[in-house]
Amino acid sequence: MTQEAVIDKKGRVVIPKQLREKLRLRNQTKVRLTLDDGKLIIAKTVTPEEFINKMEGCIKEDTLLPKTNPLDLKRIWEQT
């Protein structure tokens, strides 16, 4: 889905209502801004609780992998 928006003189952009609703962006929702090859990417941030819930079950306790703190994984993921 692609829509256009206008930047005002203070540098603000209004995200169209349809996109806000689809992404569940509400007042005070934190987003991450990334510049990628000349494109500005706006992504909803993931709270530690949301990340842990999404990662639950991905790392099994009976594997030979060392135990990993999900928040450490989130920090690594955010850096990429």
Protein backbone atom coordinates (compact mmCIF):
# COMPACT_ATOMS: atom_id res chain seq x y z
CA MET A 1 0.00 0.00 0.00
CA THR A 2 1.43 3.33 -1.04
CA GLN A 3 0.07 6.74 -0.14
CA GLU A 4 1.44 10.25 -0.30
CA ALA A 5 1.86 12.76 2.49
CA VAL A 6 3.10 16.34 2.73
CA ILE A 7 5.88 17.63 4.96
CA ASP A 8 4.94 20.86 6.73
CA LYS A 9 7.33 23.75 7.42
CA LYS A 10 8.25 22.24 10.81
CA GLY A 11 9.28 18.96 9.15
CA ARG A 12 6.23 17.01 10.31
CA VAL A 13 4.50 14.35 8.25
CA VAL A 14 0.96 13.17 8.88
CA ILE A 15 0.63 9.43 8.30
CA PRO A 16 -2.70 8.85 6.54
CA LYS A 17 -5.44 7.45 8.78
CA GLN A 18 -5.80 4.24 6.76
CA LEU A 19 -2.10 3.41 7.27
CA ARG A 20 -2.19 4.36 10.97
CA GLU A 21 -5.15 2.07 11.54
CA LYS A 22 -3.61 -0.82 9.60
CA LEU A 23 -0.38 -0.57 11.65
CA ARG A 24 -2.20 0.25 14.90
CA LEU A 25 -0.26 3.51 15.30
CA ARG A 26 -1.83 5.60 18.00
CA ASN A 27 -0.95 8.79 19.83
CA GLN A 28 2.52 8.49 21.42
CA THR A 29 3.37 5.24 19.57
CA LYS A 30 7.14 5.07 19.14
CA VAL A 31 8.50 4.51 15.65
CA ARG A 32 11.98 3.95 14.27
CA LEU A 33 13.20 6.08 11.34
CA THR A 34 15.78 4.47 9.06
CA LEU A 35 17.47 5.90 5.99
CA ASP A 36 18.07 3.09 3.50
CA ASP A 37 19.45 3.80 0.03
CA GLY A 38 17.69 7.16 -0.21
CA LYS A 39 14.45 5.88 1.29
CA LEU A 40 13.04 6.90 4.66
CA ILE A 41 11.56 3.88 6.40
CA ILE A 42 9.17 4.39 9.30
CA ALA A 43 8.72 1.25 11.39
CA LYS A 44 6.73 0.68 14.56
CA THR A 45 9.09 -0.27 17.37
CA VAL A 46 8.64 -3.52 19.22
CA THR A 47 8.41 -3.42 23.01
CA PRO A 48 10.51 -5.93 24.96
CA GLU A 49 7.31 -7.71 25.99
CA GLU A 50 6.08 -7.99 22.38
CA PHE A 51 9.48 -9.27 21.27
CA ILE A 52 9.63 -11.90 24.02
CA ASN A 53 6.12 -13.08 23.16
CA LYS A 54 7.02 -13.37 19.47
CA MET A 55 10.28 -15.20 20.25
CA GLU A 56 8.68 -17.62 22.71
CA GLY A 57 9.19 -21.15 21.49
CA CYS A 58 11.86 -20.24 18.92
CA ILE A 59 14.70 -21.35 21.17
CA LYS A 60 14.14 -24.75 22.74
CA GLU A 61 15.66 -25.55 26.11
CA ASP A 62 16.77 -29.02 25.02
CA THR A 63 19.06 -27.72 22.24
CA LEU A 64 22.82 -27.44 22.56
CA LEU A 65 22.66 -23.69 22.07
CA PRO A 66 23.67 -21.57 25.05
CA LYS A 67 20.78 -19.91 26.82
CA THR A 68 20.17 -16.49 25.35
CA ASN A 69 18.40 -13.57 26.93
CA PRO A 70 15.60 -12.48 24.53
CA LEU A 71 16.38 -8.83 25.28
CA ASP A 72 19.96 -9.38 24.05
CA LEU A 73 18.52 -10.79 20.83
CA LYS A 74 16.25 -7.73 20.53
CA ARG A 75 19.24 -5.36 20.88
CA ILE A 76 21.12 -7.24 18.16
CA TRP A 77 18.03 -7.25 15.93
CA GLU A 78 17.53 -3.48 16.37
CA GLN A 79 21.13 -2.79 15.33
CA THR A 80 20.67 -4.47 11.96
